[in-house]
Every structure is written in structure tokens, then in C-alpha cells.
């Protein structure tokens, strides 16, 4: 095969000598390789300096390249060269391996030319010793000369399983705590600043499956110790399309409890990727009547409480308890909007705790609750304080007097939120003038000569179109004051 400028060719088979074994062998061997080959230039042994590239592969062709080692400026004499290669021992797990070789002139910075075929790496005789402390029967293997220590020369504190008998039914069964000090008598004990225990799956299926006949299959608990705790169970999904950080099936798919008064039974946060990045996505099944059911909490109050709170307590939020939805703003009540941008809100029965039906109107004069209002003849669409008796322009009464709130307010259009609500129907406290006669319960009321005040109707022939409503309380003759009126414009 031509290489580089076509002046050299790889002709002879190369020998690879493995000088190490697996990590658990006792002799001080490693996985370094002494590689010797022969290179020819146009049929003649090559001489000079060449750059060589060695790549460890898991197949004779294609496959994955596990590691690359570049050896620059290798001296070739009479076609013979030698290179010492130190590949990572983790790549040698008992599977077959091949060596891919590339070459280029030592003075070149161009691409390497691959030399085919790849060279198969075979085991060296010293590697056979690695299996000596182990016995193998069928698919089973066990250590025969003592305990197994991991990360320490004292197996008692790193990995030590004693007693019992050989069990079947799982790839790893640990029965009882490890031997060691009483403070660390856990079945699995990891002391690390990183991930203590990893289950890694690079194919299909499940990375870890935990099954319990009784009790909890997986239980996470944060000990009450000094320092900032992490998460007892932490689920993270980095795939933007599918997958679940934590998935639970059963009567309680995932259960979280907080024993501390300031803790949380569960915290969910979502961002990006699937859908709009929902923090909590609930799928209902036939096992329960509702997809999401919150069974307990406290009564919603302006300063806190509720079964569910959406938003921050120091800002705008909505609280829901078992019979109430409350809009709040930093400890005070706020306006609750339903379909604020349009649409229909439909209920079978709507109960309103206020006393009247009102509408917000722009007014050309400043007004106060209880004032009788009329259409402003000089400003179309606006109201003003009523003037004169038996006024056919009477439009209603400014609501809110006597501490009686409005029941329904219409006309809350953008920019008109501060306009006064003018009651056109229902119970309202009204400013009245009884100079022309006492007002009794049931009297019809109309406008009076006192601006913004009502009086009793005495001229029924002139009252048509001028009636405000009927009095529901009394006012003595000659007095001025508030009278409770059932507003019904006529």
C-alpha cells in the first residue's frame, strides 16, 4: 500500500508482545506493549525518521477505536523499528483487540496513512497467571486464596462478605452488613465527594433494578448531620426527547415525606426539551379517580396557607385549599382573573356575596360612594353628579357606601379600573334628602334638588323614567343621610 508521497510501504508482519496482565495479578506487571515492525520504501528497507500512530480497536475492521497513541520521530534502521505503547488497562477486559497502525514521514504534518490489515493482539504467556487465584466452573468464578480488597490493603474495611452459603437468584446478593467498625456497619458504604455508587448501562434495558418482597425497594434518607446535605434520591433526565429522571409504578409510584417542618416531600423542576419542560407531569390510571389528589393542608389565608400554592408568598400567588381559590399579593388579597384574555367562564350556579350589579363609568366629576349619578349631557358616554328633581337622566348610584360591597362589576376594561362602579341594580346605600317629606320603607325614590341626593316621589305623574328604586330603610323628615335602597331604575 502506498503511504504519504508513495515512497514507503508496510510489507512485513509485526510482532506485538504483551508484557502485563489484569490488575488483580500479584506480580508487578502492567498492560504496556512493545511493538516491533518492518517498514520498506519502494521494495527496500526504510531508513530515517517517521511518525507512527497506533490505535486500539475492538474489531478487525470498523468497530470502535478505544485509544490512540501517537509516537513521533521513530528511528527506522534497515526497515526495523520499535515502539513502546502503554494503553489504558481498562480496555483489556478479556475481549479480543486489534492494533491499527498509521505512518507518515517524520518531517511531515499531514495525515497518517493507515496500514492494513489491523494486527490482532494475542495473550502473552505471563497473562495466564492472572487466573491462578480464581476457580471457574461453567459460568461461575470465585477467589480461592482469601478475601478481596478494593481500594485498600485491608479487606475488612473495603469489601468483605462472610458467612452464609452460596445463593442463587441474582447477580449479586449481600446478606447482612459488612464486617468492620460498628459505625460503618452498612451493606454498602461509600465515602466520597463524587458519586458513591453508580449503575451504568450503555445499551437497552435498565441500569439498576431493585426488588423488595417487603419494605422499600429503594429508600433515600438524609442523615441529620452538620454540613449542607444533598438529595436522598436525585433523578435527572438529560435527554430532550424521552426518558424519566425518576419513574415509579404501583399504588404509590413515588412517595416522598418530609419530617422537618421546613422540608419538602418532593421538589420537581423542569426545563427545555420535552414539551415545555414540565416540572410535574401526571398521568392518571384506572386505579385512582383523579390524576392528582392533594389530601391535606391548611385553610388559605391572605398571608399563607392552602393545599397548593402557585407563585411566591412574597409576590403574586394563588392558593387553593379544599373549598377556596384565593389570589394574593405579598400577604394581601389580590384580584383573581378567570380567562383574563377572553373566553367564556361557565358554572351551573354562581353565588355572589356582594349586594349589587354595577358597571364602571368614566365620570366628568369626582364622586364618592352613595352619590346619585346622571348621564352627562356635555360629555358623551360619561356620568356626572345628578342635579334637579325628577331628572330623567338618572343613571344609578355610586356603590360602596355603608360598607356594602358590589356583587358584580362590569366594564373592567383596560384603563378603566379606577373608574367608579355605578350600581344599576341591587341593594345600595344612597345619599337622601328628606326636606320634602320623611322617607318610609317602600317609598319610591327619585332625584332631588340637592345635587347627588335622592328624595321620596310625591308627584307620580312626573316620576316616570326618573325612579331610582325603593327605600328599604327610613329617614326622618328634614334630615339628610344614607338610606338603604333596592335600586331598580324605571
Protein backbone atom coordinates (compact mmCIF):
# COMPACT_ATOMS: atom_id res chain seq x y z
CA UNK A 1 0.00 0.00 0.00
CA UNK A 2 1.35 3.44 -0.87
CA UNK A 3 1.84 5.84 2.02
CA UNK A 4 2.39 9.65 2.08
CA UNK A 5 4.16 10.60 -1.17
CA UNK A 6 4.14 6.96 -2.28
CA UNK A 7 7.70 6.28 -1.17
CA UNK A 8 7.15 3.77 1.62
CA UNK A 9 5.20 0.57 2.06
CA UNK A 10 4.36 -1.67 5.03
CA UNK A 11 5.36 -5.22 3.99
CA UNK A 12 6.28 -7.45 6.90
CA UNK A 13 4.06 -8.76 9.67
CA UNK A 14 4.67 -7.06 13.01
CA UNK A 15 5.04 -8.73 16.40
CA UNK A 16 3.16 -7.41 19.45
CA UNK A 17 4.42 -8.57 22.82
CA UNK A 18 2.04 -8.12 25.79
CA UNK A 19 4.11 -7.61 28.94
CA UNK A 20 1.31 -7.22 31.55
CA UNK A 21 -1.84 -8.82 32.95
CA UNK A 22 -5.07 -7.81 34.67
CA UNK A 23 -4.99 -5.51 37.72
CA UNK A 24 -5.58 -8.20 40.33
CA UNK A 25 -2.36 -10.21 39.49
CA UNK A 26 0.25 -10.13 42.24
CA UNK A 27 3.48 -9.75 40.15
CA UNK A 28 4.26 -6.13 39.17
CA UNK A 29 3.08 -6.41 35.56
CA UNK A 30 1.17 -3.86 33.51
CA UNK A 31 -0.56 -3.58 30.11
CA UNK A 32 2.30 -1.96 28.17
CA UNK A 33 3.11 -3.33 24.71
CA UNK A 34 6.50 -3.47 22.97
CA UNK A 35 5.71 -3.23 19.26
CA UNK A 36 8.32 -4.17 16.58
CA UNK A 37 7.75 -3.87 12.86
CA UNK A 38 9.47 -3.72 9.47
CA UNK A 39 8.97 -0.86 7.01
CA UNK A 40 10.09 -0.81 3.35
CA UNK A 41 10.49 2.07 0.94
CA UNK A 42 9.78 1.05 -2.69
CA UNK A 43 10.87 -2.51 -2.00
CA UNK A 44 13.93 -1.53 0.02
CA UNK A 45 14.28 -1.41 3.83
CA UNK A 46 13.38 2.08 5.03
CA UNK A 47 15.85 4.28 6.89
CA UNK A 48 15.19 7.58 8.61
CA UNK A 49 12.65 9.16 10.95
CA UNK A 50 8.90 8.51 10.78
CA UNK A 51 5.79 9.44 12.80
CA UNK A 52 3.70 6.43 13.83
CA UNK A 53 0.10 6.30 15.07
CA UNK A 54 -1.21 3.27 17.00
CA UNK A 55 -4.95 2.85 17.64
CA UNK A 56 -6.51 0.16 19.81
CA UNK A 57 -9.67 -1.22 18.17
CA UNK A 58 -12.34 -3.72 19.20
CA UNK A 59 -12.79 -5.23 15.72
CA UNK A 60 -10.65 -6.35 12.77
CA UNK A 61 -12.32 -3.63 10.70
CA UNK A 62 -14.68 -0.76 11.51
CA UNK A 63 -15.82 -1.12 15.15
CA UNK A 64 -14.73 1.39 17.80
CA UNK A 65 -11.28 2.95 18.28
CA UNK A 66 -10.73 2.69 22.04
CA UNK A 67 -7.49 4.68 22.39
CA UNK A 68 -4.93 6.45 20.17
CA UNK A 69 -1.20 6.77 20.87
CA UNK A 70 1.00 8.93 18.61
CA UNK A 71 4.72 8.14 18.62
CA UNK A 72 6.61 10.88 16.73
CA UNK A 73 10.11 10.72 15.23
CA UNK A 74 10.64 6.97 15.40
CA UNK A 75 14.07 5.97 14.05
CA UNK A 76 13.93 3.22 11.40
CA UNK A 77 17.19 1.39 10.62
CA UNK A 78 17.29 -1.17 7.82
CA UNK A 79 13.48 -1.22 7.94
CA UNK A 80 13.30 -2.21 11.62
CA UNK A 81 11.62 -0.04 14.27
CA UNK A 82 10.45 -0.48 17.85
CA UNK A 83 7.82 1.45 19.83
CA UNK A 84 6.71 1.13 23.46
CA UNK A 85 2.95 1.55 23.86
CA UNK A 86 1.09 1.97 27.17
CA UNK A 87 -2.63 1.54 26.62
CA UNK A 88 -5.17 2.06 29.39
CA UNK A 89 -5.69 -1.24 31.22
CA UNK A 90 -9.47 -0.69 31.28
CA UNK A 91 -9.59 -1.52 27.55
CA UNK A 92 -8.39 -5.07 28.23
CA UNK A 93 -11.40 -6.86 29.69
CA UNK A 94 -10.98 -10.27 28.08
CA UNK A 95 -12.45 -9.31 24.69
CA UNK A 96 -10.36 -9.53 21.52
CA UNK A 97 -8.40 -6.44 20.50
CA UNK A 98 -6.68 -5.29 17.29
CA UNK A 99 -3.99 -2.71 16.60
CA UNK A 100 -4.43 -0.22 13.73
CA UNK A 101 -1.18 1.41 12.52
CA UNK A 102 -0.72 4.67 10.62
CA UNK A 103 2.54 6.20 9.27
CA UNK A 104 3.83 9.43 7.80
CA UNK A 105 7.29 10.93 7.20
CA UNK A 106 8.83 12.39 10.34
CA UNK A 107 9.16 15.81 8.74
CA UNK A 108 5.50 15.83 7.63
CA UNK A 109 2.48 17.36 9.38
CA UNK A 110 -0.04 15.79 7.06
CA UNK A 111 -2.47 12.96 7.62
CA UNK A 112 -1.42 9.45 8.60
CA UNK A 113 -1.85 6.67 6.07
CA UNK A 114 -3.47 3.54 7.51
CA UNK A 115 -1.57 0.26 7.07
CA UNK A 116 -3.81 -2.74 6.50
CA UNK A 117 -4.73 -5.17 7.82
CA UNK A 118 -5.05 -4.45 11.53
CA UNK A 119 -2.88 -6.63 13.77
CA UNK A 120 -4.61 -8.94 16.24
CA UNK A 121 -3.25 -8.75 19.82
CA UNK A 122 -2.88 -12.18 21.39
CA UNK A 123 -2.22 -13.00 25.04
CA UNK A 124 1.32 -13.35 26.32
CA UNK A 125 2.21 -16.42 28.47
CA UNK A 126 2.62 -14.32 31.63
CA UNK A 127 -1.01 -13.17 31.36
CA UNK A 128 -2.19 -16.72 32.03
CA UNK A 129 -1.06 -16.36 35.65
CA UNK A 130 -3.85 -13.83 36.25
CA UNK A 131 -6.45 -16.58 36.55
CA UNK A 132 -4.45 -18.69 39.03
CA UNK A 133 -6.09 -17.37 42.29
CA UNK A 134 -9.54 -17.89 40.75
CA UNK A 135 -11.53 -21.06 40.16
CA UNK A 136 -14.03 -21.29 37.35
CA UNK A 137 -16.80 -23.83 36.88
CA UNK A 138 -19.13 -23.21 33.98
CA UNK A 139 -20.25 -19.59 34.24
CA UNK A 140 -19.17 -19.25 37.89
CA UNK A 141 -15.88 -17.91 39.26
CA UNK A 142 -14.64 -17.29 42.79
CA UNK A 143 -11.42 -16.25 44.55
CA UNK A 144 -9.64 -19.14 46.29
CA UNK A 145 -6.80 -17.65 48.37
CA UNK A 146 -8.56 -15.21 50.73
CA UNK A 147 -10.69 -12.08 50.83
CA UNK A 148 -10.94 -9.47 48.10
CA UNK A 149 -9.90 -5.92 48.92
CA UNK A 150 -10.83 -2.91 46.78
CA UNK A 151 -9.00 0.39 47.17
CA UNK A 152 -7.22 -0.73 50.36
CA UNK A 153 -4.89 -3.46 51.53
CA UNK A 154 -7.28 -4.29 54.36
CA UNK A 155 -10.27 -6.23 53.00
CA UNK A 156 -12.10 -5.90 56.31
CA UNK A 157 -12.98 -2.25 55.64
CA UNK A 158 -13.41 -2.21 51.87
CA UNK A 159 -15.24 -5.32 50.75
CA UNK A 160 -15.85 -8.28 52.97
CA UNK A 161 -18.77 -10.69 52.77
CA UNK A 162 -18.65 -13.52 55.29
CA UNK A 163 -20.86 -16.36 56.42
CA UNK A 164 -23.95 -17.82 54.80
CA UNK A 165 -23.98 -20.12 51.82
CA UNK A 166 -23.88 -19.80 48.07
CA UNK A 167 -27.17 -18.28 46.95
CA UNK A 168 -28.95 -18.20 43.63
CA UNK A 169 -31.41 -15.79 42.09
CA UNK A 170 -29.38 -12.69 41.36
CA UNK A 171 -26.02 -11.44 40.03
CA UNK A 172 -25.12 -10.01 43.46
CA UNK A 173 -26.66 -10.89 46.81
CA UNK A 174 -25.43 -9.27 50.02
CA UNK A 175 -26.90 -10.74 53.18
CA UNK A 176 -26.22 -8.65 56.27
CA UNK A 177 -23.76 -5.83 56.95
CA UNK A 178 -20.11 -5.82 56.03
CA UNK A 179 -17.59 -6.69 58.70
CA UNK A 180 -15.96 -3.60 60.13
CA UNK A 181 -16.44 -0.97 62.78
CA UNK A 182 -19.91 -0.63 64.26
CA UNK A 183 -20.20 2.96 62.99
CA UNK A 184 -19.85 1.77 59.37
CA UNK A 185 -21.89 -1.45 59.55
CA UNK A 186 -23.69 -0.84 56.25
CA UNK A 187 -24.25 -3.31 53.45
CA UNK A 188 -22.77 -0.75 51.06
CA UNK A 189 -20.78 2.16 52.47
CA UNK A 190 -19.26 4.80 50.18
CA UNK A 191 -17.21 7.73 51.44
CA UNK A 192 -16.57 10.05 48.52
CA UNK A 193 -17.15 13.59 47.33
CA UNK A 194 -18.44 12.29 43.98
CA UNK A 195 -20.91 9.55 43.14
CA UNK A 196 -20.72 6.81 45.75
CA UNK A 197 -22.38 4.03 43.77
CA UNK A 198 -23.02 4.00 40.03
CA UNK A 199 -25.10 1.69 37.86
CA UNK A 200 -24.16 2.39 34.23
CA UNK A 201 -26.00 0.94 31.24
CA UNK A 202 -24.79 1.81 27.76
CA UNK A 203 -27.35 -0.26 25.87
CA UNK A 204 -31.00 -1.14 26.35
CA UNK A 205 -32.81 -2.25 29.48
CA UNK A 206 -32.48 -0.88 32.99
CA UNK A 207 -29.29 0.36 34.64
CA UNK A 208 -30.43 -0.82 38.05
CA UNK A 209 -33.42 -2.83 39.25
CA UNK A 210 -34.26 -3.12 42.96
CA UNK A 211 -36.98 -5.51 44.11
CA UNK A 212 -38.27 -5.90 47.65
CA UNK A 213 -40.62 -8.56 48.96
CA UNK A 214 -41.37 -6.34 51.97
CA UNK A 215 -40.36 -2.80 52.84
CA UNK A 216 -38.97 -0.30 50.35
CA UNK A 217 -37.20 -1.35 47.17
CA UNK A 218 -35.32 1.96 47.15
CA UNK A 219 -35.20 4.29 50.14
CA UNK A 220 -33.34 7.57 50.29
CA UNK A 221 -32.67 9.26 53.61
CA UNK A 222 -30.53 12.26 54.51
CA UNK A 223 -28.94 11.97 57.93
CA UNK A 224 -29.18 14.84 60.39
CA UNK A 225 -25.52 15.81 60.41
CA UNK A 226 -23.52 19.01 60.07
CA UNK A 227 -22.97 20.40 56.61
CA UNK A 228 -25.12 21.01 53.56
CA UNK A 229 -26.98 17.82 52.62
CA UNK A 230 -27.54 16.64 49.07
CA UNK A 231 -30.50 14.76 47.67
CA UNK A 232 -31.54 11.44 49.16
CA UNK A 233 -32.83 10.43 45.73
CA UNK A 234 -32.00 12.56 42.72
CA UNK A 235 -33.44 11.92 39.27
CA UNK A 236 -32.05 13.70 36.21
CA UNK A 237 -33.01 13.27 32.56
CA UNK A 238 -30.61 14.89 30.07
CA UNK A 239 -32.40 13.54 27.01
CA UNK A 240 -34.53 16.22 25.35
CA UNK A 241 -36.91 13.71 23.76
CA UNK A 242 -37.83 11.00 26.22
CA UNK A 243 -36.95 9.20 29.43
CA UNK A 244 -37.73 9.88 33.08
CA UNK A 245 -35.44 11.10 35.84
CA UNK A 246 -37.48 9.12 38.37
CA UNK A 247 -40.23 6.70 37.47
CA UNK A 248 -42.47 4.82 39.87
CA UNK A 249 -45.18 2.25 39.33
CA UNK A 250 -47.64 0.80 41.79
CA UNK A 251 -50.17 2.13 44.26
CA UNK A 252 -47.72 4.86 45.22
CA UNK A 253 -45.45 5.25 42.20
CA UNK A 254 -43.12 7.65 44.02
CA UNK A 255 -43.66 8.63 47.66
CA UNK A 256 -41.84 11.46 49.38
CA UNK A 257 -42.18 12.53 53.00
CA UNK A 258 -40.61 15.43 54.90
CA UNK A 259 -40.21 15.05 58.66
CA UNK A 260 -38.83 18.56 59.12
CA UNK A 261 -41.38 21.38 59.36
CA UNK A 262 -39.47 23.41 56.76
CA UNK A 263 -38.75 20.50 54.42
CA UNK A 264 -40.45 19.28 51.27
CA UNK A 265 -41.80 15.84 50.49
CA UNK A 266 -40.96 16.33 46.82
CA UNK A 267 -39.43 19.02 44.63
CA UNK A 268 -39.85 18.97 40.85
CA UNK A 269 -38.11 21.26 38.39
CA UNK A 270 -38.38 21.15 34.60
CA UNK A 271 -36.74 22.99 31.72
CA UNK A 272 -36.43 22.71 27.95
CA UNK A 273 -36.70 19.63 25.80
CA UNK A 274 -39.86 17.54 26.03
CA UNK A 275 -43.00 19.68 25.70
CA UNK A 276 -42.48 22.88 27.60
CA UNK A 277 -40.25 21.21 30.18
CA UNK A 278 -42.95 20.32 32.71
CA UNK A 279 -41.77 20.05 36.29
CA UNK A 280 -44.58 17.59 37.12
CA UNK A 281 -46.47 15.61 34.51
CA UNK A 282 -49.32 13.49 35.86
CA UNK A 283 -50.77 10.52 34.02
CA UNK A 284 -53.96 9.15 35.52
CA UNK A 285 -54.92 5.48 35.50
CA UNK A 286 -58.00 3.47 36.38
CA UNK A 287 -56.57 2.74 39.84
CA UNK A 288 -57.48 6.19 41.18
CA UNK A 289 -60.33 8.54 40.36
CA UNK A 290 -58.04 11.54 39.94
CA UNK A 291 -54.68 12.00 38.27
CA UNK A 292 -53.55 14.35 41.04
CA UNK A 293 -55.07 14.33 44.51
CA UNK A 294 -53.90 16.54 47.39
CA UNK A 295 -55.44 15.28 50.60
CA UNK A 296 -54.38 17.73 53.28
CA UNK A 297 -53.19 21.24 54.01
CA UNK A 298 -54.37 24.38 55.82
CA UNK A 299 -57.01 26.98 55.12
CA UNK A 300 -55.98 29.58 52.56
CA UNK A 301 -55.43 33.00 54.13
CA UNK A 302 -54.00 36.22 52.65
CA UNK A 303 -50.71 35.67 54.49
CA UNK A 304 -50.29 31.94 53.72
CA UNK A 305 -51.81 28.50 53.94
CA UNK A 306 -53.58 26.36 51.40
CA UNK A 307 -53.22 22.86 49.98
CA UNK A 308 -51.47 24.08 46.82
CA UNK A 309 -49.72 27.43 46.31
CA UNK A 310 -48.65 28.63 42.88
CA UNK A 311 -46.20 31.54 42.98
CA UNK A 312 -44.11 33.19 45.67
CA UNK A 313 -45.60 34.27 49.03
CA UNK A 314 -43.60 37.50 48.75
CA UNK A 315 -45.25 38.34 45.43
CA UNK A 316 -48.33 37.40 43.47
CA UNK A 317 -49.59 33.87 44.07
CA UNK A 318 -52.69 31.70 44.01
CA UNK A 319 -53.58 29.41 46.89
CA UNK A 320 -56.04 26.51 46.73
CA UNK A 321 -57.50 24.73 49.74
CA UNK A 322 -60.34 22.21 49.89
CA UNK A 323 -63.08 24.74 49.03
CA UNK A 324 -61.41 28.01 48.04
CA UNK A 325 -59.23 29.62 45.40
CA UNK A 326 -57.57 32.82 46.61
CA UNK A 327 -55.45 35.31 44.71
CA UNK A 328 -52.86 37.00 46.95
CA UNK A 329 -50.09 39.55 46.67
CA UNK A 330 -47.41 39.57 49.37
CA UNK A 331 -49.71 38.89 52.31
CA UNK A 332 -52.76 40.75 50.97
CA UNK A 333 -55.70 39.72 48.80
CA UNK A 334 -55.45 40.40 45.09
CA UNK A 335 -57.67 40.17 42.02
CA UNK A 336 -58.42 36.68 40.69
CA UNK A 337 -58.77 36.60 36.91
CA UNK A 338 -60.51 33.81 35.00
CA UNK A 339 -59.84 33.82 31.25
CA UNK A 340 -58.36 37.28 31.56
CA UNK A 341 -57.60 37.48 27.82
CA UNK A 342 -61.08 36.43 26.74
CA UNK A 343 -63.28 33.37 26.58
CA UNK A 344 -66.29 32.04 28.45
CA UNK A 345 -66.49 31.09 32.12
CA UNK A 346 -69.48 28.80 32.71
CA UNK A 347 -70.80 27.50 36.04
CA UNK A 348 -74.16 25.88 36.95
CA UNK A 349 -74.76 28.27 39.86
CA UNK A 350 -72.77 31.41 40.63
CA UNK A 351 -73.10 32.76 44.18
CA UNK A 352 -72.00 36.38 44.64
CA UNK A 353 -71.53 37.66 48.17
CA UNK A 354 -71.81 41.34 47.19
CA UNK A 355 -75.10 43.28 47.10
CA UNK A 356 -75.45 44.96 43.69
CA UNK A 357 -74.70 44.78 39.98
CA UNK A 358 -72.59 47.72 38.90
CA UNK A 359 -70.62 48.95 35.92
CA UNK A 360 -67.57 51.19 35.82
CA UNK A 361 -68.21 54.51 34.06
CA UNK A 362 -65.88 57.41 33.34
CA UNK A 363 -67.12 60.45 35.26
CA UNK A 364 -66.57 64.11 34.46
CA UNK A 365 -66.81 64.98 38.18
CA UNK A 366 -65.18 63.46 41.23
CA UNK A 367 -67.68 61.40 43.17
CA UNK A 368 -67.95 59.37 46.38
CA UNK A 369 -69.94 56.26 47.38
CA UNK A 370 -73.70 56.76 47.74
CA UNK A 371 -73.90 59.64 45.25
CA UNK A 372 -76.79 59.64 42.75
CA UNK A 373 -75.38 59.93 39.19
CA UNK A 374 -76.85 61.10 35.87
CA UNK A 375 -75.83 60.97 32.23
CA UNK A 376 -73.51 63.89 31.39
CA UNK A 377 -75.20 65.88 28.57
CA UNK A 378 -71.94 67.64 27.77
CA UNK A 379 -69.64 64.54 27.60
CA UNK A 380 -70.93 61.57 25.65
CA UNK A 381 -70.51 58.26 27.45
CA UNK A 382 -69.67 59.84 30.81
CA UNK A 383 -71.61 60.44 34.02
CA UNK A 384 -71.82 63.32 36.45
CA UNK A 385 -73.47 64.07 39.79
CA UNK A 386 -77.27 64.35 39.41
CA UNK A 387 -78.85 67.82 39.50
CA UNK A 388 -82.51 68.73 39.94
CA UNK A 389 -85.61 66.79 40.97
CA UNK A 390 -87.34 64.22 38.74
CA UNK A 391 -84.27 64.05 36.47
CA UNK A 392 -84.83 61.71 33.52
CA UNK A 393 -81.05 61.38 33.00
CA UNK A 394 -80.61 59.46 36.28
CA UNK A 395 -78.19 56.53 35.69
CA UNK A 396 -77.58 54.89 39.08
CA UNK A 397 -75.74 55.27 42.36
CA UNK A 398 -72.02 55.16 43.12
CA UNK A 399 -71.63 51.90 45.06
CA UNK A 400 -69.67 51.09 48.19
CA UNK A 401 -71.35 53.34 50.75
CA UNK A 402 -72.11 51.98 54.21
CA UNK A 403 -69.51 49.22 53.82
CA UNK A 404 -71.76 47.28 51.42
CA UNK A 405 -69.58 45.96 48.56
CA UNK A 406 -70.63 45.44 44.99
CA UNK A 407 -71.57 41.92 43.92
CA UNK A 408 -70.71 42.05 40.22
CA UNK A 409 -68.83 44.83 38.45
CA UNK A 410 -68.99 45.16 34.68
CA UNK A 411 -66.90 47.35 32.44
CA UNK A 412 -63.47 46.46 33.86
CA UNK A 413 -61.89 47.34 30.55
CA UNK A 414 -58.18 48.17 30.23
CA UNK A 415 -57.61 51.69 31.51
CA UNK A 416 -60.95 51.90 33.35
CA UNK A 417 -60.02 50.01 36.52
CA UNK A 418 -60.08 53.21 38.61
CA UNK A 419 -63.44 54.49 37.36
CA UNK A 420 -66.23 54.38 39.99
CA UNK A 421 -68.61 51.40 39.96
CA UNK A 422 -72.16 52.70 39.41
CA UNK A 423 -74.87 50.40 40.83
CA UNK A 424 -77.78 49.87 38.44
CA UNK A 425 -79.49 47.04 40.33
CA UNK A 426 -79.45 45.55 43.84
CA UNK A 427 -79.03 46.94 47.38
CA UNK A 428 -77.07 50.18 47.78
CA UNK A 429 -76.80 52.83 50.47
CA UNK A 430 -77.88 56.13 48.84
CA UNK A 431 -77.50 59.76 49.91
CA UNK A 432 -81.01 61.09 50.52
CA UNK A 433 -82.63 64.47 51.38
CA UNK A 434 -85.91 64.24 53.39
CA UNK A 435 -86.60 68.02 53.31
CA UNK A 436 -89.77 67.47 51.22
CA UNK A 437 -91.01 64.66 53.48
CA UNK A 438 -89.94 61.67 55.55
CA UNK A 439 -88.83 58.57 53.73
CA UNK A 440 -90.54 55.34 54.75
CA UNK A 441 -89.76 51.73 53.82
CA UNK A 442 -91.31 51.03 50.41
CA UNK A 443 -91.29 54.63 49.18
CA UNK A 444 -90.20 55.17 45.58
CA UNK A 445 -87.21 57.45 45.29
CA UNK A 446 -86.12 59.91 42.59
CA UNK A 447 -83.56 62.67 42.23
CA UNK A 448 -83.82 65.82 44.35
CA UNK A 449 -82.81 69.44 44.09
CA UNK A 450 -79.87 68.63 46.34
CA UNK A 451 -77.05 67.54 43.98
CA UNK A 452 -76.27 63.83 44.16
CA UNK A 453 -79.16 63.12 46.59
CA UNK A 454 -82.44 61.22 46.26
CA UNK A 455 -85.88 62.08 47.69
CA UNK A 456 -89.31 60.47 48.05
CA UNK A 457 -91.55 60.53 44.96
CA UNK A 458 -94.66 62.67 45.61
CA UNK A 459 -95.56 63.59 42.00
CA UNK A 460 -96.17 60.18 40.45
CA UNK A 461 -97.28 61.68 37.13
CA UNK A 462 -93.88 63.29 36.71
CA UNK A 463 -91.86 60.33 38.07
CA UNK A 464 -91.93 58.07 35.01
CA UNK A 465 -88.33 57.46 33.85
CA UNK A 466 -86.97 59.19 36.95
CA UNK A 467 -87.32 56.47 39.61
CA UNK A 468 -84.12 55.20 41.26
CA UNK A 469 -85.71 52.38 43.31
CA UNK A 470 -87.50 51.61 46.59
CA UNK A 471 -86.42 52.59 50.09
CA UNK A 472 -85.52 49.69 52.41
CA UNK A 473 -84.86 51.90 55.46
CA UNK A 474 -86.26 55.14 56.92
CA UNK A 475 -85.10 58.76 57.06
CA UNK A 476 -86.90 61.32 59.25
CA UNK A 477 -88.38 64.46 57.72
CA UNK A 478 -85.95 67.34 57.32
CA UNK A 479 -82.85 65.12 57.62
CA UNK A 480 -80.10 64.17 55.18
CA UNK A 481 -78.38 60.80 55.35
CA UNK A 482 -77.93 57.33 53.90
CA UNK A 483 -80.94 55.19 53.07
CA UNK A 484 -80.69 51.53 52.04
CA UNK A 485 -82.31 51.38 48.59
CA UNK A 486 -83.27 48.49 46.33
CA UNK A 487 -82.06 50.08 43.08
CA UNK A 488 -84.32 49.41 40.11
CA UNK A 489 -84.20 52.17 37.52
CA UNK A 490 -87.63 52.94 35.99
